[in-house]
Each structure stands twice: as structure tokens, then as C-alpha cells.
Amino acid sequence: MIAGYVDQEIMEQMVTNSGDDLLTLSRQQGVMLVFLRHFGCTFCRKGLATIAEKRAAIEGKGLKIVFVHMTTSEIADSYFERYEIVQPTYISDPECRFYAAFGLTKGTFTQLFGLQTWIRGFQAGLVEGHGLGPKLGDDFQMPGVFILQNGEVVESFVHKLASDQPDYDSQIPKFCALPEPLG
């Protein structure tokens, strides 16, 4: 999905840890909705480190970052703290209902365990120090990043491989040609 419509009822059901629903947030400002792999995944950890590093630039473009994860708030908070993501906004989705609503599927063997994923896993896990951890959610669930405005997806990055990472530097500028929020 590059751009399109997500059921607004689903977005109303997606309530963050601060009590706001996703539809309301997307009407207030642009939202970068980040669906994470499970927290034990080296690529999830690398993604958190990258977002922590780029957070000021992302938010400076007018985007509110909202994470979706598959575990409890307590576990999520410990990982956000580990990666120095202060006061994160997130949605817990242990059943992966919201992942499915945004068209994110379960990974195939090649997407999860193919040669390119192994090579990138070695780089991220060992060389860059993100390591591996316990399974903390559905380890077959694929991640994705969606830019929302006024209840609509205006841009997306759907991972083809578990190891894919969006290029926030080159993609943020095009994400930010957002229409004005509704009233």
C-alpha cells in the first residue's frame, strides 16, 4: 500500500498508552506509525536505535511517532528506555489485529531466514551490537511504517525482508508534503 484508506473504525480502536486514538492523532498532525517486529528481533532493535537517533529530525518535520508492538506495556517501556526513546507513544497489539488491518502479513521463510536476512542479521546483531533476545511477540509478523494524515495513509514502507530498514533521511522529506489537518 503506497497510499490509501484504512477503516476509520479500526483507527479509533487503536488507542495509545496516553489514551488518544490514532484517528484523532492523525487529524491533529501527521503521524509516523511504526509497526515493530518483536522486541527480541535484532532488526527491531536496530530500528529503535535508528528512530531514537533520528527522532528530533522526524518530529521536526511535524510528524508524531507512534509505535505498535506485540507485548505488554511494561516490556515495551523497558525496550524504549533501553534505546533512550523518552515518553514514547505506542499501541499494544499482541493479537496483531492492527498489523493485519494495515496489510502487514506473516513473513515467508525467505523473508525471515533468507541469505540476505542472515547477512544483515550478522551485521546488525553482532557487528553493530543489537544482539538477539527472547521471542516477545509473533516472530513471523512483518513490520512496516505508515505516514498518516486526516485518517488516511499518505505514504508507506512495507518491509519485503525482515531486515529491511526505511531510509528516514531520504524518505522523510517526501513524507512531509502533508495536507493541513482537518478542523
N, C-alpha and C. Protein backbone atom coordinates (compact mmCIF):
# COMPACT_ATOMS: atom_id res chain seq x y z
N MET A 1 0.85 -1.18 0.00
CA MET A 1 0.00 0.00 0.00
C MET A 1 0.89 1.24 0.00
N ILE A 2 0.79 2.06 -0.99
CA ILE A 2 1.54 3.31 -1.02
C ILE A 2 0.71 4.41 -0.39
N ALA A 3 -0.51 4.49 -0.75
CA ALA A 3 -1.41 5.46 -0.14
C ALA A 3 -2.79 4.82 -0.15
N GLY A 4 -3.63 5.23 0.77
CA GLY A 4 -4.95 4.64 0.75
C GLY A 4 -5.70 4.81 2.03
N TYR A 5 -6.75 4.05 2.10
CA TYR A 5 -7.72 4.18 3.16
C TYR A 5 -7.60 3.00 4.12
N VAL A 6 -7.59 3.29 5.40
CA VAL A 6 -7.68 2.27 6.44
C VAL A 6 -8.98 2.54 7.17
N ASP A 7 -9.72 1.51 7.49
CA ASP A 7 -11.01 1.64 8.17
C ASP A 7 -10.86 2.57 9.38
N GLN A 8 -11.62 3.65 9.37
CA GLN A 8 -11.50 4.63 10.45
C GLN A 8 -11.96 4.05 11.79
N GLU A 9 -12.84 3.07 11.75
CA GLU A 9 -13.25 2.40 12.99
C GLU A 9 -12.05 1.69 13.63
N ILE A 10 -11.23 1.07 12.80
CA ILE A 10 -10.01 0.42 13.30
C ILE A 10 -9.10 1.46 13.93
N MET A 11 -8.94 2.59 13.26
CA MET A 11 -8.05 3.64 13.78
C MET A 11 -8.58 4.20 15.10
N GLU A 12 -9.89 4.22 15.28
CA GLU A 12 -10.46 4.66 16.55
C GLU A 12 -10.20 3.63 17.65
N GLN A 13 -10.10 2.36 17.29
CA GLN A 13 -9.81 1.30 18.26
C GLN A 13 -8.33 1.27 18.66
N MET A 14 -7.49 1.90 17.87
CA MET A 14 -6.06 1.91 18.13
C MET A 14 -5.75 3.03 19.13
N VAL A 15 -5.87 2.69 20.40
CA VAL A 15 -5.69 3.66 21.48
C VAL A 15 -4.27 3.55 22.03
N THR A 16 -3.63 4.71 22.15
CA THR A 16 -2.24 4.75 22.61
C THR A 16 -2.15 4.65 24.13
N ASN A 17 -0.94 4.51 24.60
CA ASN A 17 -0.67 4.46 26.04
C ASN A 17 -1.04 5.77 26.73
N SER A 18 -1.21 6.85 25.98
CA SER A 18 -1.63 8.13 26.57
C SER A 18 -3.14 8.34 26.47
N GLY A 19 -3.86 7.37 25.89
CA GLY A 19 -5.32 7.43 25.85
C GLY A 19 -5.91 8.04 24.60
N ASP A 20 -5.06 8.46 23.65
CA ASP A 20 -5.56 9.05 22.41
C ASP A 20 -5.72 7.97 21.36
N ASP A 21 -6.75 8.11 20.51
CA ASP A 21 -6.89 7.13 19.42
C ASP A 21 -6.15 7.65 18.18
N LEU A 22 -5.77 6.74 17.34
CA LEU A 22 -4.95 7.06 16.17
C LEU A 22 -5.66 7.99 15.19
N LEU A 23 -6.96 7.80 15.01
CA LEU A 23 -7.69 8.67 14.09
C LEU A 23 -7.62 10.12 14.55
N THR A 24 -7.85 10.36 15.83
CA THR A 24 -7.78 11.72 16.37
C THR A 24 -6.38 12.30 16.20
N LEU A 25 -5.36 11.51 16.54
CA LEU A 25 -3.99 11.99 16.39
C LEU A 25 -3.69 12.38 14.94
N SER A 26 -4.16 11.56 13.99
CA SER A 26 -3.87 11.83 12.58
C SER A 26 -4.60 13.06 12.06
N ARG A 27 -5.64 13.47 12.77
CA ARG A 27 -6.36 14.69 12.38
C ARG A 27 -5.71 15.93 13.00
N GLN A 28 -4.88 15.72 14.03
CA GLN A 28 -4.19 16.83 14.68
C GLN A 28 -2.87 17.17 14.00
N GLN A 29 -2.18 16.13 13.51
CA GLN A 29 -0.90 16.31 12.84
C GLN A 29 -0.55 15.03 12.09
N GLY A 30 0.47 15.09 11.28
CA GLY A 30 0.94 13.89 10.61
C GLY A 30 1.46 12.89 11.63
N VAL A 31 1.23 11.61 11.37
CA VAL A 31 1.67 10.55 12.26
C VAL A 31 2.56 9.58 11.49
N MET A 32 3.71 9.26 12.06
CA MET A 32 4.53 8.19 11.54
C MET A 32 4.24 6.97 12.41
N LEU A 33 3.49 6.03 11.86
CA LEU A 33 3.05 4.84 12.56
C LEU A 33 4.04 3.73 12.27
N VAL A 34 4.75 3.27 13.30
CA VAL A 34 5.82 2.29 13.14
C VAL A 34 5.38 0.96 13.75
N PHE A 35 5.10 -0.01 12.89
CA PHE A 35 4.78 -1.36 13.34
C PHE A 35 6.09 -2.11 13.50
N LEU A 36 6.40 -2.49 14.73
CA LEU A 36 7.67 -3.15 15.05
C LEU A 36 7.56 -4.67 14.90
N ARG A 37 8.69 -5.31 14.63
CA ARG A 37 8.78 -6.76 14.82
C ARG A 37 8.89 -6.98 16.32
N HIS A 38 8.99 -8.21 16.76
CA HIS A 38 9.06 -8.46 18.20
C HIS A 38 10.38 -7.91 18.77
N PHE A 39 10.34 -7.52 20.04
CA PHE A 39 11.49 -6.83 20.66
C PHE A 39 12.75 -7.69 20.76
N GLY A 40 12.64 -8.99 20.64
CA GLY A 40 13.82 -9.84 20.65
C GLY A 40 14.55 -9.85 19.31
N CYS A 41 13.91 -9.33 18.29
CA CYS A 41 14.47 -9.32 16.93
C CYS A 41 15.56 -8.26 16.80
N THR A 42 16.71 -8.66 16.28
CA THR A 42 17.82 -7.72 16.11
C THR A 42 17.43 -6.55 15.20
N PHE A 43 16.56 -6.80 14.21
CA PHE A 43 16.17 -5.72 13.30
C PHE A 43 15.21 -4.74 13.96
N CYS A 44 14.38 -5.23 14.87
CA CYS A 44 13.53 -4.33 15.65
C CYS A 44 14.41 -3.43 16.51
N ARG A 45 15.39 -4.01 17.13
CA ARG A 45 16.30 -3.25 17.98
C ARG A 45 17.09 -2.21 17.19
N LYS A 46 17.54 -2.63 16.00
CA LYS A 46 18.25 -1.67 15.14
C LYS A 46 17.31 -0.54 14.73
N GLY A 47 16.07 -0.88 14.42
CA GLY A 47 15.09 0.15 14.06
C GLY A 47 14.85 1.13 15.19
N LEU A 48 14.73 0.62 16.41
CA LEU A 48 14.55 1.50 17.56
C LEU A 48 15.74 2.44 17.73
N ALA A 49 16.95 1.90 17.56
CA ALA A 49 18.15 2.74 17.68
C ALA A 49 18.16 3.83 16.60
N THR A 50 17.78 3.46 15.39
CA THR A 50 17.76 4.44 14.29
C THR A 50 16.71 5.52 14.54
N ILE A 51 15.52 5.12 14.98
CA ILE A 51 14.47 6.10 15.24
C ILE A 51 14.87 7.01 16.40
N ALA A 52 15.50 6.44 17.43
CA ALA A 52 15.97 7.28 18.54
C ALA A 52 16.95 8.33 18.04
N GLU A 53 17.84 7.92 17.16
CA GLU A 53 18.85 8.83 16.61
C GLU A 53 18.20 9.90 15.72
N LYS A 54 17.18 9.54 14.98
CA LYS A 54 16.56 10.45 14.01
C LYS A 54 15.29 11.13 14.54
N ARG A 55 14.93 10.86 15.78
CA ARG A 55 13.65 11.32 16.32
C ARG A 55 13.47 12.84 16.20
N ALA A 56 14.46 13.59 16.56
CA ALA A 56 14.32 15.06 16.51
C ALA A 56 14.05 15.54 15.09
N ALA A 57 14.73 14.96 14.12
CA ALA A 57 14.52 15.35 12.71
C ALA A 57 13.13 14.95 12.24
N ILE A 58 12.68 13.77 12.63
CA ILE A 58 11.35 13.29 12.24
C ILE A 58 10.28 14.20 12.84
N GLU A 59 10.38 14.43 14.14
CA GLU A 59 9.39 15.28 14.80
C GLU A 59 9.49 16.74 14.33
N GLY A 60 10.70 17.16 13.96
CA GLY A 60 10.89 18.50 13.43
C GLY A 60 10.17 18.72 12.11
N LYS A 61 9.87 17.65 11.42
CA LYS A 61 9.10 17.72 10.17
C LYS A 61 7.60 17.70 10.43
N GLY A 62 7.21 17.70 11.71
CA GLY A 62 5.78 17.75 12.04
C GLY A 62 5.11 16.41 12.21
N LEU A 63 5.90 15.34 12.29
CA LEU A 63 5.33 14.01 12.45
C LEU A 63 5.38 13.55 13.90
N LYS A 64 4.30 13.00 14.38
CA LYS A 64 4.27 12.36 15.70
C LYS A 64 4.56 10.89 15.48
N ILE A 65 5.53 10.36 16.20
CA ILE A 65 5.88 8.95 16.07
C ILE A 65 5.00 8.13 17.01
N VAL A 66 4.34 7.14 16.46
CA VAL A 66 3.52 6.21 17.24
C VAL A 66 3.98 4.80 16.88
N PHE A 67 4.41 4.05 17.89
CA PHE A 67 4.86 2.68 17.70
C PHE A 67 3.70 1.71 17.93
N VAL A 68 3.72 0.58 17.23
CA VAL A 68 2.80 -0.52 17.50
C VAL A 68 3.68 -1.73 17.80
N HIS A 69 3.42 -2.37 18.93
CA HIS A 69 4.22 -3.53 19.34
C HIS A 69 3.29 -4.66 19.75
N MET A 70 3.88 -5.83 20.02
CA MET A 70 3.10 -7.05 20.27
C MET A 70 3.21 -7.57 21.70
N THR A 71 3.53 -6.72 22.64
CA THR A 71 3.75 -7.21 24.01
C THR A 71 3.08 -6.29 25.03
N THR A 72 3.41 -6.47 26.28
CA THR A 72 2.83 -5.65 27.34
C THR A 72 3.50 -4.28 27.38
N SER A 73 2.83 -3.34 28.01
CA SER A 73 3.39 -2.00 28.16
C SER A 73 4.68 -2.03 28.98
N GLU A 74 4.73 -2.88 29.99
CA GLU A 74 5.92 -2.95 30.84
C GLU A 74 7.14 -3.40 30.05
N ILE A 75 6.98 -4.42 29.23
CA ILE A 75 8.10 -4.89 28.40
C ILE A 75 8.46 -3.81 27.39
N ALA A 76 7.46 -3.23 26.74
CA ALA A 76 7.73 -2.18 25.75
C ALA A 76 8.48 -1.02 26.39
N ASP A 77 8.03 -0.58 27.55
CA ASP A 77 8.70 0.54 28.23
C ASP A 77 10.17 0.24 28.48
N SER A 78 10.49 -1.00 28.84
CA SER A 78 11.89 -1.33 29.11
C SER A 78 12.74 -1.23 27.84
N TYR A 79 12.17 -1.62 26.70
CA TYR A 79 12.93 -1.50 25.44
C TYR A 79 13.02 -0.06 24.97
N PHE A 80 11.96 0.71 25.11
CA PHE A 80 12.03 2.11 24.73
C PHE A 80 13.06 2.84 25.60
N GLU A 81 13.08 2.50 26.89
CA GLU A 81 14.06 3.10 27.80
C GLU A 81 15.48 2.70 27.40
N ARG A 82 15.66 1.42 27.07
CA ARG A 82 16.97 0.91 26.67
C ARG A 82 17.52 1.70 25.47
N TYR A 83 16.64 2.07 24.55
CA TYR A 83 17.05 2.80 23.35
C TYR A 83 16.86 4.31 23.49
N GLU A 84 16.64 4.76 24.73
CA GLU A 84 16.55 6.17 25.07
C GLU A 84 15.47 6.90 24.27
N ILE A 85 14.35 6.22 24.09
CA ILE A 85 13.18 6.84 23.48
C ILE A 85 12.30 7.31 24.64
N VAL A 86 12.40 8.58 24.95
CA VAL A 86 11.75 9.17 26.12
C VAL A 86 10.29 9.46 25.80
N GLN A 87 9.42 9.10 26.73
CA GLN A 87 7.98 9.31 26.61
C GLN A 87 7.43 8.87 25.25
N PRO A 88 7.65 7.60 24.91
CA PRO A 88 7.15 7.11 23.63
C PRO A 88 5.62 7.02 23.62
N THR A 89 5.05 7.18 22.45
CA THR A 89 3.63 6.95 22.25
C THR A 89 3.52 5.61 21.53
N TYR A 90 2.72 4.72 22.09
CA TYR A 90 2.63 3.39 21.47
C TYR A 90 1.27 2.75 21.69
N ILE A 91 1.05 1.72 20.89
CA ILE A 91 -0.17 0.91 20.92
C ILE A 91 0.25 -0.54 21.07
N SER A 92 -0.35 -1.22 22.02
CA SER A 92 -0.07 -2.65 22.22
C SER A 92 -1.06 -3.47 21.39
N ASP A 93 -0.53 -4.40 20.60
CA ASP A 93 -1.35 -5.23 19.71
C ASP A 93 -0.86 -6.68 19.72
N PRO A 94 -1.02 -7.38 20.87
CA PRO A 94 -0.49 -8.75 20.95
C PRO A 94 -1.16 -9.73 19.99
N GLU A 95 -2.39 -9.45 19.56
CA GLU A 95 -3.07 -10.36 18.62
C GLU A 95 -2.75 -10.00 17.16
N CYS A 96 -2.02 -8.93 16.93
CA CYS A 96 -1.63 -8.46 15.59
C CYS A 96 -2.84 -8.10 14.72
N ARG A 97 -3.94 -7.69 15.34
CA ARG A 97 -5.13 -7.25 14.59
C ARG A 97 -4.85 -5.99 13.79
N PHE A 98 -4.14 -5.07 14.39
CA PHE A 98 -3.87 -3.80 13.72
C PHE A 98 -2.83 -3.98 12.62
N TYR A 99 -1.87 -4.87 12.84
CA TYR A 99 -0.90 -5.20 11.79
C TYR A 99 -1.67 -5.67 10.55
N ALA A 100 -2.60 -6.59 10.75
CA ALA A 100 -3.39 -7.13 9.63
C ALA A 100 -4.24 -6.04 8.98
N ALA A 101 -4.82 -5.14 9.78
CA ALA A 101 -5.66 -4.07 9.24
C ALA A 101 -4.87 -3.15 8.31
N PHE A 102 -3.57 -3.04 8.54
CA PHE A 102 -2.72 -2.22 7.68
C PHE A 102 -2.05 -3.05 6.58
N GLY A 103 -2.49 -4.29 6.44
CA GLY A 103 -2.00 -5.14 5.35
C GLY A 103 -0.66 -5.79 5.60
N LEU A 104 -0.19 -5.78 6.84
CA LEU A 104 1.08 -6.42 7.16
C LEU A 104 0.85 -7.90 7.40
N THR A 105 1.62 -8.72 6.74
CA THR A 105 1.41 -10.17 6.74
C THR A 105 2.46 -10.89 7.57
N LYS A 106 2.30 -12.18 7.66
CA LYS A 106 3.31 -13.04 8.26
C LYS A 106 4.40 -13.27 7.21
N GLY A 107 5.63 -13.32 7.64
CA GLY A 107 6.74 -13.48 6.72
C GLY A 107 6.88 -14.90 6.20
N THR A 108 7.40 -15.00 4.99
CA THR A 108 7.73 -16.30 4.41
C THR A 108 9.10 -16.72 4.93
N PHE A 109 9.48 -17.95 4.64
CA PHE A 109 10.78 -18.45 5.06
C PHE A 109 11.89 -17.54 4.52
N THR A 110 11.81 -17.18 3.25
CA THR A 110 12.85 -16.33 2.64
C THR A 110 12.88 -14.95 3.26
N GLN A 111 11.73 -14.36 3.53
CA GLN A 111 11.69 -13.03 4.14
C GLN A 111 12.33 -13.03 5.52
N LEU A 112 12.14 -14.11 6.26
CA LEU A 112 12.62 -14.16 7.64
C LEU A 112 14.00 -14.78 7.79
N PHE A 113 14.33 -15.76 6.94
CA PHE A 113 15.55 -16.54 7.14
C PHE A 113 16.43 -16.65 5.91
N GLY A 114 16.16 -15.87 4.87
CA GLY A 114 16.95 -15.93 3.64
C GLY A 114 18.37 -15.43 3.85
N LEU A 115 19.20 -15.68 2.85
CA LEU A 115 20.62 -15.34 2.94
C LEU A 115 20.84 -13.85 3.23
N GLN A 116 20.12 -12.98 2.52
CA GLN A 116 20.30 -11.54 2.75
C GLN A 116 19.93 -11.16 4.18
N THR A 117 18.87 -11.78 4.72
CA THR A 117 18.47 -11.51 6.10
C THR A 117 19.54 -11.99 7.07
N TRP A 118 20.13 -13.16 6.81
CA TRP A 118 21.20 -13.66 7.68
C TRP A 118 22.41 -12.73 7.65
N ILE A 119 22.78 -12.27 6.47
CA ILE A 119 23.94 -11.37 6.36
C ILE A 119 23.68 -10.07 7.11
N ARG A 120 22.50 -9.48 6.89
CA ARG A 120 22.17 -8.24 7.59
C ARG A 120 22.01 -8.48 9.09
N GLY A 121 21.53 -9.66 9.46
CA GLY A 121 21.39 -10.01 10.88
C GLY A 121 22.73 -10.08 11.57
N PHE A 122 23.72 -10.66 10.90
CA PHE A 122 25.07 -10.73 11.44
C PHE A 122 25.61 -9.31 11.66
N GLN A 123 25.41 -8.45 10.65
CA GLN A 123 25.87 -7.06 10.75
C GLN A 123 25.18 -6.33 11.91
N ALA A 124 23.84 -6.38 11.95
CA ALA A 124 23.09 -5.65 12.98
C ALA A 124 23.28 -6.26 14.36
N GLY A 125 23.24 -7.59 14.43
CA GLY A 125 23.27 -8.26 15.73
C GLY A 125 24.64 -8.29 16.37
N LEU A 126 25.64 -8.68 15.60
CA LEU A 126 26.98 -8.83 16.17
C LEU A 126 27.86 -7.60 15.97
N VAL A 127 27.98 -7.15 14.74
CA VAL A 127 28.88 -6.04 14.46
C VAL A 127 28.38 -4.74 15.10
N GLU A 128 27.07 -4.46 14.94
CA GLU A 128 26.52 -3.21 15.49
C GLU A 128 26.05 -3.36 16.93
N GLY A 129 26.02 -4.58 17.45
CA GLY A 129 25.73 -4.80 18.87
C GLY A 129 24.28 -4.83 19.29
N HIS A 130 23.36 -5.03 18.35
CA HIS A 130 21.94 -5.06 18.73
C HIS A 130 21.52 -6.42 19.29
N GLY A 131 22.32 -7.43 19.06
CA GLY A 131 22.08 -8.74 19.65
C GLY A 131 20.75 -9.37 19.27
N LEU A 132 20.48 -10.48 19.94
CA LEU A 132 19.22 -11.20 19.80
C LEU A 132 18.63 -11.35 21.18
N GLY A 133 17.34 -11.46 21.25
CA GLY A 133 16.69 -11.62 22.53
C GLY A 133 15.60 -12.66 22.45
N PRO A 134 14.84 -12.79 23.51
CA PRO A 134 13.75 -13.77 23.53
C PRO A 134 12.62 -13.34 22.59
N LYS A 135 11.86 -14.32 22.17
CA LYS A 135 10.68 -14.05 21.35
C LYS A 135 9.68 -13.29 22.21
N LEU A 136 9.34 -12.08 21.81
CA LEU A 136 8.41 -11.23 22.57
C LEU A 136 7.30 -10.77 21.63
N GLY A 137 6.55 -11.70 21.12
CA GLY A 137 5.50 -11.43 20.15
C GLY A 137 5.57 -12.47 19.07
N ASP A 138 4.87 -12.25 18.00
CA ASP A 138 4.82 -13.18 16.86
C ASP A 138 6.07 -12.98 16.02
N ASP A 139 6.99 -13.94 16.07
CA ASP A 139 8.24 -13.77 15.35
C ASP A 139 8.11 -13.96 13.84
N PHE A 140 6.91 -14.27 13.35
CA PHE A 140 6.67 -14.34 11.91
C PHE A 140 6.06 -13.04 11.37
N GLN A 141 5.63 -12.14 12.25
CA GLN A 141 4.96 -10.91 11.83
C GLN A 141 5.95 -9.95 11.17
N MET A 142 5.57 -9.46 9.99
CA MET A 142 6.40 -8.49 9.27
C MET A 142 6.04 -7.07 9.74
N PRO A 143 7.03 -6.18 9.73
CA PRO A 143 6.82 -4.79 10.16
C PRO A 143 6.49 -3.87 8.99
N GLY A 144 6.24 -2.61 9.32
CA GLY A 144 6.00 -1.59 8.31
C GLY A 144 5.92 -0.22 8.94
N VAL A 145 6.04 0.81 8.12
CA VAL A 145 5.95 2.20 8.58
C VAL A 145 4.95 2.91 7.67
N PHE A 146 4.03 3.63 8.28
CA PHE A 146 2.98 4.33 7.53
C PHE A 146 2.93 5.78 7.98
N ILE A 147 2.77 6.67 7.02
CA ILE A 147 2.57 8.07 7.33
C ILE A 147 1.08 8.35 7.14
N LEU A 148 0.46 8.87 8.19
CA LEU A 148 -0.97 9.12 8.21
C LEU A 148 -1.25 10.61 8.33
N GLN A 149 -2.31 11.04 7.68
CA GLN A 149 -2.81 12.40 7.83
C GLN A 149 -4.31 12.36 7.62
N ASN A 150 -5.05 12.93 8.53
CA ASN A 150 -6.51 13.01 8.41
C ASN A 150 -7.15 11.64 8.18
N GLY A 151 -6.64 10.63 8.87
CA GLY A 151 -7.24 9.32 8.78
C GLY A 151 -6.90 8.53 7.53
N GLU A 152 -5.94 8.99 6.76
CA GLU A 152 -5.56 8.29 5.54
C GLU A 152 -4.07 8.02 5.52
N VAL A 153 -3.70 6.93 4.87
CA VAL A 153 -2.29 6.61 4.64
C VAL A 153 -1.84 7.43 3.44
N VAL A 154 -0.84 8.27 3.65
CA VAL A 154 -0.33 9.09 2.55
C VAL A 154 0.99 8.56 2.00
N GLU A 155 1.64 7.68 2.76
CA GLU A 155 2.90 7.06 2.34
C GLU A 155 3.13 5.83 3.20
N SER A 156 3.88 4.87 2.66
CA SER A 156 4.18 3.68 3.45
C SER A 156 5.51 3.06 3.04
N PHE A 157 6.06 2.31 3.97
CA PHE A 157 7.22 1.47 3.71
C PHE A 157 6.88 0.12 4.31
N VAL A 158 6.61 -0.85 3.44
CA VAL A 158 6.28 -2.21 3.89
C VAL A 158 7.52 -3.06 3.64
N HIS A 159 8.02 -3.65 4.68
CA HIS A 159 9.24 -4.44 4.60
C HIS A 159 9.05 -5.66 3.69
N LYS A 160 9.97 -5.84 2.76
CA LYS A 160 9.97 -7.05 1.92
C LYS A 160 10.73 -8.17 2.61
N LEU A 161 11.73 -7.79 3.39
CA LEU A 161 12.51 -8.72 4.19
C LEU A 161 12.48 -8.23 5.64
N ALA A 162 12.61 -9.15 6.57
CA ALA A 162 12.63 -8.76 7.99
C ALA A 162 13.76 -7.77 8.26
N SER A 163 14.82 -7.84 7.47
CA SER A 163 16.00 -7.00 7.68
C SER A 163 15.92 -5.62 7.04
N ASP A 164 14.88 -5.34 6.25
CA ASP A 164 14.76 -4.03 5.61
C ASP A 164 14.65 -2.92 6.65
N GLN A 165 15.21 -1.77 6.32
CA GLN A 165 15.11 -0.59 7.18
C GLN A 165 14.78 0.61 6.30
N PRO A 166 13.76 1.39 6.65
CA PRO A 166 13.48 2.60 5.88
C PRO A 166 14.66 3.56 5.96
N ASP A 167 14.85 4.34 4.91
CA ASP A 167 15.86 5.39 4.91
C ASP A 167 15.16 6.68 5.31
N TYR A 168 15.18 6.96 6.60
CA TYR A 168 14.45 8.11 7.12
C TYR A 168 14.98 9.43 6.59
N ASP A 169 16.26 9.50 6.25
CA ASP A 169 16.83 10.75 5.73
C ASP A 169 16.28 11.10 4.36
N SER A 170 16.19 10.13 3.46
CA SER A 170 15.71 10.45 2.11
C SER A 170 14.19 10.37 2.01
N GLN A 171 13.54 9.62 2.89
CA GLN A 171 12.10 9.45 2.79
C GLN A 171 11.33 10.49 3.61
N ILE A 172 11.90 11.02 4.67
CA ILE A 172 11.17 12.00 5.49
C ILE A 172 10.76 13.23 4.67
N PRO A 173 11.64 13.79 3.84
CA PRO A 173 11.19 14.97 3.09
C PRO A 173 9.94 14.71 2.25
N LYS A 174 9.85 13.56 1.58
CA LYS A 174 8.66 13.32 0.77
C LYS A 174 7.46 12.99 1.64
N PHE A 175 7.69 12.46 2.85
CA PHE A 175 6.59 12.20 3.77
C PHE A 175 5.92 13.50 4.20
N CYS A 176 6.66 14.56 4.19
CA CYS A 176 6.21 15.76 4.87
C CYS A 176 5.48 16.76 4.00
N ALA A 177 5.14 16.39 2.80
CA ALA A 177 4.27 17.23 1.97
C ALA A 177 2.85 16.86 2.31
N LEU A 178 2.48 17.09 3.57
CA LEU A 178 1.19 16.65 4.08
C LEU A 178 0.14 17.74 3.95
N PRO A 179 -1.10 17.32 3.69
CA PRO A 179 -2.18 18.31 3.70
C PRO A 179 -2.41 18.82 5.11
N GLU A 180 -3.06 19.94 5.22
CA GLU A 180 -3.38 20.51 6.54
C GLU A 180 -4.33 19.59 7.30
N PRO A 181 -4.16 19.50 8.64
CA PRO A 181 -5.10 18.72 9.44
C PRO A 181 -6.50 19.28 9.33
N LEU A 182 -7.46 18.37 9.51
CA LEU A 182 -8.86 18.79 9.49
C LEU A 182 -9.18 19.56 10.76
N GLY A 183 -10.06 20.54 10.64
CA GLY A 183 -10.60 21.38 11.68
C GLY A 183 -10.33 21.05 13.04
